[in-house]
Amino acid sequence: VMHSVTAGDAAALIGLALSIGPIPGDAETTATMLEPAFSDLKATAERILGSTSRPWYFGYRVRLGVK
């Protein structure tokens, strides 16, 4: 597993969550179902992280093929 370190605050966390992509299904229904959870995530991120930038550690699996 390889890793990278970056820094982020509440706004970056919300941006990351939005960038992951939609859940398959009817977009309007999905948005309606996810709105309460997303509102909770946003409120929690803002309460805990706020504008303070903290380190984030990401792990990546690397598969190497040799011919």
PDB file of N, CA and C in Angstrom:
ATOM      1  N   VAL A   1       0.855  -1.172   0.000  1.00  0.00           N
ATOM      2  CA  VAL A   1       0.000   0.000   0.000  1.00  0.00           C
ATOM      3  C   VAL A   1       0.900   1.234   0.000  1.00  0.00           C
ATOM      4  N   MET A   2       0.626   2.119  -0.920  1.00  0.00           N
ATOM      5  CA  MET A   2       1.330   3.404  -0.978  1.00  0.00           C
ATOM      6  C   MET A   2       0.455   4.419  -0.258  1.00  0.00           C
ATOM      7  N   HIS A   3       1.042   5.531   0.119  1.00  0.00           N
ATOM      8  CA  HIS A   3       0.238   6.544   0.776  1.00  0.00           C
ATOM      9  C   HIS A   3       0.626   7.938   0.304  1.00  0.00           C
ATOM     10  N   SER A   4      -0.270   8.857   0.572  1.00  0.00           N
ATOM     11  CA  SER A   4       0.009  10.267   0.336  1.00  0.00           C
ATOM     12  C   SER A   4      -0.571  11.045   1.505  1.00  0.00           C
ATOM     13  N   VAL A   5      -0.006  12.198   1.723  1.00  0.00           N
ATOM     14  CA  VAL A   5      -0.474  13.066   2.805  1.00  0.00           C
ATOM     15  C   VAL A   5      -0.843  14.410   2.182  1.00  0.00           C
ATOM     16  N   THR A   6      -1.995  14.893   2.529  1.00  0.00           N
ATOM     17  CA  THR A   6      -2.447  16.204   2.098  1.00  0.00           C
ATOM     18  C   THR A   6      -3.120  16.854   3.300  1.00  0.00           C
ATOM     19  N   ALA A   7      -3.511  18.077   3.178  1.00  0.00           N
ATOM     20  CA  ALA A   7      -4.172  18.756   4.292  1.00  0.00           C
ATOM     21  C   ALA A   7      -5.545  19.235   3.837  1.00  0.00           C
ATOM     22  N   GLY A   8      -6.467  19.281   4.770  1.00  0.00           N
ATOM     23  CA  GLY A   8      -7.801  19.742   4.424  1.00  0.00           C
ATOM     24  C   GLY A   8      -8.581  20.202   5.628  1.00  0.00           C
ATOM     25  N   ASP A   9      -9.604  20.993   5.352  1.00  0.00           N
ATOM     26  CA  ASP A   9     -10.506  21.496   6.385  1.00  0.00           C
ATOM     27  C   ASP A   9     -11.917  20.996   6.075  1.00  0.00           C
ATOM     28  N   ALA A  10     -12.910  21.559   6.726  1.00  0.00           N
ATOM     29  CA  ALA A  10     -14.295  21.119   6.521  1.00  0.00           C
ATOM     30  C   ALA A  10     -14.732  21.294   5.074  1.00  0.00           C
ATOM     31  N   ALA A  11     -14.379  22.410   4.459  1.00  0.00           N
ATOM     32  CA  ALA A  11     -14.781  22.651   3.067  1.00  0.00           C
ATOM     33  C   ALA A  11     -14.163  21.612   2.134  1.00  0.00           C
ATOM     34  N   ALA A  12     -12.921  21.230   2.387  1.00  0.00           N
ATOM     35  CA  ALA A  12     -12.269  20.219   1.557  1.00  0.00           C
ATOM     36  C   ALA A  12     -12.931  18.856   1.740  1.00  0.00           C
ATOM     37  N   LEU A  13     -13.332  18.530   2.956  1.00  0.00           N
ATOM     38  CA  LEU A  13     -14.008  17.253   3.216  1.00  0.00           C
ATOM     39  C   LEU A  13     -15.350  17.197   2.492  1.00  0.00           C
ATOM     40  N   ILE A  14     -16.100  18.285   2.529  1.00  0.00           N
ATOM     41  CA  ILE A  14     -17.379  18.336   1.825  1.00  0.00           C
ATOM     42  C   ILE A  14     -17.139  18.229   0.314  1.00  0.00           C
ATOM     43  N   GLY A  15     -16.125  18.908  -0.186  1.00  0.00           N
ATOM     44  CA  GLY A  15     -15.786  18.815  -1.607  1.00  0.00           C
ATOM     45  C   GLY A  15     -15.416  17.398  -2.008  1.00  0.00           C
ATOM     46  N   LEU A  16     -14.669  16.710  -1.151  1.00  0.00           N
ATOM     47  CA  LEU A  16     -14.302  15.323  -1.419  1.00  0.00           C
ATOM     48  C   LEU A  16     -15.547  14.443  -1.464  1.00  0.00           C
ATOM     49  N   ALA A  17     -16.441  14.626  -0.520  1.00  0.00           N
ATOM     50  CA  ALA A  17     -17.675  13.846  -0.501  1.00  0.00           C
ATOM     51  C   ALA A  17     -18.501  14.082  -1.759  1.00  0.00           C
ATOM     52  N   LEU A  18     -18.558  15.310  -2.221  1.00  0.00           N
ATOM     53  CA  LEU A  18     -19.317  15.627  -3.434  1.00  0.00           C
ATOM     54  C   LEU A  18     -18.648  15.082  -4.696  1.00  0.00           C
ATOM     55  N   SER A  19     -17.327  14.938  -4.664  1.00  0.00           N
ATOM     56  CA  SER A  19     -16.600  14.496  -5.853  1.00  0.00           C
ATOM     57  C   SER A  19     -16.629  12.987  -6.057  1.00  0.00           C
ATOM     58  N   ILE A  20     -17.040  12.249  -5.052  1.00  0.00           N
ATOM     59  CA  ILE A  20     -17.032  10.786  -5.155  1.00  0.00           C
ATOM     60  C   ILE A  20     -17.981  10.310  -6.235  1.00  0.00           C
ATOM     61  N   GLY A  21     -19.089  10.983  -6.424  1.00  0.00           N
ATOM     62  CA  GLY A  21     -20.006  10.644  -7.506  1.00  0.00           C
ATOM     63  C   GLY A  21     -21.344  10.199  -6.980  1.00  0.00           C
ATOM     64  N   PRO A  22     -22.300  10.184  -7.878  1.00  0.00           N
ATOM     65  CA  PRO A  22     -23.663   9.854  -7.475  1.00  0.00           C
ATOM     66  C   PRO A  22     -23.858   8.362  -7.216  1.00  0.00           C
ATOM     67  N   ILE A  23     -24.844   8.068  -6.419  1.00  0.00           N
ATOM     68  CA  ILE A  23     -25.251   6.688  -6.190  1.00  0.00           C
ATOM     69  C   ILE A  23     -26.208   6.327  -7.316  1.00  0.00           C
ATOM     70  N   PRO A  24     -26.051   5.154  -7.919  1.00  0.00           N
ATOM     71  CA  PRO A  24     -26.938   4.791  -9.030  1.00  0.00           C
ATOM     72  C   PRO A  24     -28.417   4.861  -8.638  1.00  0.00           C
ATOM     73  N   GLY A  25     -29.217   5.271  -9.560  1.00  0.00           N
ATOM     74  CA  GLY A  25     -30.659   5.381  -9.328  1.00  0.00           C
ATOM     75  C   GLY A  25     -31.172   6.714  -9.825  1.00  0.00           C
ATOM     76  N   ASP A  26     -32.415   6.958  -9.573  1.00  0.00           N
ATOM     77  CA  ASP A  26     -33.047   8.214  -9.959  1.00  0.00           C
ATOM     78  C   ASP A  26     -32.389   9.355  -9.190  1.00  0.00           C
ATOM     79  N   ALA A  27     -31.825  10.316  -9.897  1.00  0.00           N
ATOM     80  CA  ALA A  27     -31.061  11.396  -9.271  1.00  0.00           C
ATOM     81  C   ALA A  27     -31.886  12.197  -8.271  1.00  0.00           C
ATOM     82  N   GLU A  28     -33.138  12.496  -8.607  1.00  0.00           N
ATOM     83  CA  GLU A  28     -33.975  13.293  -7.708  1.00  0.00           C
ATOM     84  C   GLU A  28     -34.294  12.526  -6.427  1.00  0.00           C
ATOM     85  N   THR A  29     -34.647  11.255  -6.562  1.00  0.00           N
ATOM     86  CA  THR A  29     -34.946  10.426  -5.390  1.00  0.00           C
ATOM     87  C   THR A  29     -33.716  10.260  -4.520  1.00  0.00           C
ATOM     88  N   THR A  30     -32.568  10.011  -5.156  1.00  0.00           N
ATOM     89  CA  THR A  30     -31.322   9.828  -4.417  1.00  0.00           C
ATOM     90  C   THR A  30     -30.961  11.091  -3.646  1.00  0.00           C
ATOM     91  N   ALA A  31     -31.065  12.244  -4.296  1.00  0.00           N
ATOM     92  CA  ALA A  31     -30.748  13.510  -3.635  1.00  0.00           C
ATOM     93  C   ALA A  31     -31.658  13.744  -2.436  1.00  0.00           C
ATOM     94  N   THR A  32     -32.942  13.437  -2.578  1.00  0.00           N
ATOM     95  CA  THR A  32     -33.898  13.605  -1.481  1.00  0.00           C
ATOM     96  C   THR A  32     -33.554  12.687  -0.311  1.00  0.00           C
ATOM     97  N   MET A  33     -33.174  11.446  -0.630  1.00  0.00           N
ATOM     98  CA  MET A  33     -32.839  10.482   0.422  1.00  0.00           C
ATOM     99  C   MET A  33     -31.546  10.859   1.144  1.00  0.00           C
ATOM    100  N   LEU A  34     -30.581  11.402   0.421  1.00  0.00           N
ATOM    101  CA  LEU A  34     -29.271  11.687   1.002  1.00  0.00           C
ATOM    102  C   LEU A  34     -29.185  13.046   1.687  1.00  0.00           C
ATOM    103  N   GLU A  35     -30.105  13.938   1.446  1.00  0.00           N
ATOM    104  CA  GLU A  35     -30.028  15.288   1.990  1.00  0.00           C
ATOM    105  C   GLU A  35     -29.864  15.329   3.513  1.00  0.00           C
ATOM    106  N   PRO A  36     -30.648  14.568   4.296  1.00  0.00           N
ATOM    107  CA  PRO A  36     -30.445  14.616   5.755  1.00  0.00           C
ATOM    108  C   PRO A  36     -29.046  14.139   6.175  1.00  0.00           C
ATOM    109  N   ALA A  37     -28.568  13.089   5.557  1.00  0.00           N
ATOM    110  CA  ALA A  37     -27.239  12.567   5.912  1.00  0.00           C
ATOM    111  C   ALA A  37     -26.152  13.556   5.508  1.00  0.00           C
ATOM    112  N   PHE A  38     -26.285  14.159   4.327  1.00  0.00           N
ATOM    113  CA  PHE A  38     -25.292  15.129   3.874  1.00  0.00           C
ATOM    114  C   PHE A  38     -25.304  16.369   4.759  1.00  0.00           C
ATOM    115  N   SER A  39     -26.475  16.805   5.175  1.00  0.00           N
ATOM    116  CA  SER A  39     -26.568  17.959   6.087  1.00  0.00           C
ATOM    117  C   SER A  39     -25.874  17.654   7.405  1.00  0.00           C
ATOM    118  N   ASP A  40     -26.058  16.433   7.911  1.00  0.00           N
ATOM    119  CA  ASP A  40     -25.383  16.013   9.149  1.00  0.00           C
ATOM    120  C   ASP A  40     -23.876  15.983   8.963  1.00  0.00           C
ATOM    121  N   LEU A  41     -23.412  15.441   7.824  1.00  0.00           N
ATOM    122  CA  LEU A  41     -21.972  15.387   7.549  1.00  0.00           C
ATOM    123  C   LEU A  41     -21.391  16.789   7.510  1.00  0.00           C
ATOM    124  N   LYS A  42     -22.067  17.686   6.810  1.00  0.00           N
ATOM    125  CA  LYS A  42     -21.577  19.060   6.691  1.00  0.00           C
ATOM    126  C   LYS A  42     -21.518  19.750   8.057  1.00  0.00           C
ATOM    127  N   ALA A  43     -22.565  19.611   8.848  1.00  0.00           N
ATOM    128  CA  ALA A  43     -22.592  20.240  10.172  1.00  0.00           C
ATOM    129  C   ALA A  43     -21.499  19.680  11.077  1.00  0.00           C
ATOM    130  N   THR A  44     -21.312  18.367  11.032  1.00  0.00           N
ATOM    131  CA  THR A  44     -20.286  17.733  11.861  1.00  0.00           C
ATOM    132  C   THR A  44     -18.892  18.155  11.424  1.00  0.00           C
ATOM    133  N   ALA A  45     -18.650  18.180  10.125  1.00  0.00           N
ATOM    134  CA  ALA A  45     -17.340  18.594   9.612  1.00  0.00           C
ATOM    135  C   ALA A  45     -17.037  20.034  10.000  1.00  0.00           C
ATOM    136  N   GLU A  46     -18.023  20.907   9.879  1.00  0.00           N
ATOM    137  CA  GLU A  46     -17.810  22.305  10.236  1.00  0.00           C
ATOM    138  C   GLU A  46     -17.588  22.472  11.736  1.00  0.00           C
ATOM    139  N   ARG A  47     -18.289  21.674  12.543  1.00  0.00           N
ATOM    140  CA  ARG A  47     -18.133  21.775  14.004  1.00  0.00           C
ATOM    141  C   ARG A  47     -16.762  21.261  14.436  1.00  0.00           C
ATOM    142  N   ILE A  48     -16.322  20.144  13.860  1.00  0.00           N
ATOM    143  CA  ILE A  48     -15.075  19.523  14.310  1.00  0.00           C
ATOM    144  C   ILE A  48     -13.848  20.116  13.615  1.00  0.00           C
ATOM    145  N   LEU A  49     -13.918  20.279  12.295  1.00  0.00           N
ATOM    146  CA  LEU A  49     -12.757  20.757  11.543  1.00  0.00           C
ATOM    147  C   LEU A  49     -12.744  22.264  11.362  1.00  0.00           C
ATOM    148  N   GLY A  50     -13.919  22.818  11.057  1.00  0.00           N
ATOM    149  CA  GLY A  50     -13.983  24.252  10.800  1.00  0.00           C
ATOM    150  C   GLY A  50     -13.034  24.641   9.682  1.00  0.00           C
ATOM    151  N   SER A  51     -12.344  25.750   9.851  1.00  0.00           N
ATOM    152  CA  SER A  51     -11.396  26.201   8.834  1.00  0.00           C
ATOM    153  C   SER A  51      -9.974  25.784   9.165  1.00  0.00           C
ATOM    154  N   THR A  52      -9.813  24.955  10.195  1.00  0.00           N
ATOM    155  CA  THR A  52      -8.495  24.467  10.574  1.00  0.00           C
ATOM    156  C   THR A  52      -8.067  23.349   9.626  1.00  0.00           C
ATOM    157  N   SER A  53      -6.932  23.538   8.990  1.00  0.00           N
ATOM    158  CA  SER A  53      -6.417  22.537   8.066  1.00  0.00           C
ATOM    159  C   SER A  53      -5.657  21.473   8.864  1.00  0.00           C
ATOM    160  N   ARG A  54      -5.996  20.216   8.616  1.00  0.00           N
ATOM    161  CA  ARG A  54      -5.359  19.093   9.310  1.00  0.00           C
ATOM    162  C   ARG A  54      -4.850  18.100   8.287  1.00  0.00           C
ATOM    163  N   PRO A  55      -3.830  17.304   8.666  1.00  0.00           N
ATOM    164  CA  PRO A  55      -3.303  16.328   7.705  1.00  0.00           C
ATOM    165  C   PRO A  55      -4.284  15.178   7.471  1.00  0.00           C
ATOM    166  N   TRP A  56      -4.369  14.763   6.216  1.00  0.00           N
ATOM    167  CA  TRP A  56      -5.169  13.608   5.820  1.00  0.00           C
ATOM    168  C   TRP A  56      -4.218  12.601   5.202  1.00  0.00           C
ATOM    169  N   TYR A  57      -4.386  11.354   5.543  1.00  0.00           N
ATOM    170  CA  TYR A  57      -3.552  10.279   5.015  1.00  0.00           C
ATOM    171  C   TYR A  57      -4.413   9.373   4.142  1.00  0.00           C
ATOM    172  N   PHE A  58      -4.001   9.202   2.905  1.00  0.00           N
ATOM    173  CA  PHE A  58      -4.719   8.343   1.968  1.00  0.00           C
ATOM    174  C   PHE A  58      -3.840   7.156   1.617  1.00  0.00           C
ATOM    175  N   GLY A  59      -4.446   5.969   1.571  1.00  0.00           N
ATOM    176  CA  GLY A  59      -3.725   4.776   1.179  1.00  0.00           C
ATOM    177  C   GLY A  59      -4.200   4.301  -0.189  1.00  0.00           C
ATOM    178  N   TYR A  60      -3.276   3.824  -0.991  1.00  0.00           N
ATOM    179  CA  TYR A  60      -3.579   3.331  -2.336  1.00  0.00           C
ATOM    180  C   TYR A  60      -2.965   1.976  -2.507  1.00  0.00           C
ATOM    181  N   ARG A  61      -3.694   1.049  -3.074  1.00  0.00           N
ATOM    182  CA  ARG A  61      -3.144  -0.257  -3.412  1.00  0.00           C
ATOM    183  C   ARG A  61      -2.528  -0.176  -4.791  1.00  0.00           C
ATOM    184  N   VAL A  62      -1.332  -0.684  -4.921  1.00  0.00           N
ATOM    185  CA  VAL A  62      -0.631  -0.661  -6.198  1.00  0.00           C
ATOM    186  C   VAL A  62      -0.449  -2.115  -6.654  1.00  0.00           C
ATOM    187  N   ARG A  63      -0.877  -2.366  -7.868  1.00  0.00           N
ATOM    188  CA  ARG A  63      -0.678  -3.686  -8.465  1.00  0.00           C
ATOM    189  C   ARG A  63       0.294  -3.523  -9.618  1.00  0.00           C
ATOM    190  N   LEU A  64       1.314  -4.297  -9.583  1.00  0.00           N
ATOM    191  CA  LEU A  64       2.366  -4.173 -10.581  1.00  0.00           C
ATOM    192  C   LEU A  64       2.389  -5.457 -11.414  1.00  0.00           C
ATOM    193  N   GLY A  65       2.302  -5.299 -12.704  1.00  0.00           N
ATOM    194  CA  GLY A  65       2.359  -6.449 -13.612  1.00  0.00           C
ATOM    195  C   GLY A  65       3.668  -6.400 -14.380  1.00  0.00           C
ATOM    196  N   VAL A  66       4.368  -7.503 -14.388  1.00  0.00           N
ATOM    197  CA  VAL A  66       5.628  -7.577 -15.121  1.00  0.00           C
ATOM    198  C   VAL A  66       5.447  -8.613 -16.215  1.00  0.00           C
ATOM    199  N   LYS A  67       5.816  -8.243 -17.412  1.00  0.00           N
ATOM    200  CA  LYS A  67       5.651  -9.117 -18.552  1.00  0.00           C
ATOM    201  C   LYS A  67       6.903  -9.895 -18.845  1.00  0.00           C
TER     202      LYS A  67
END
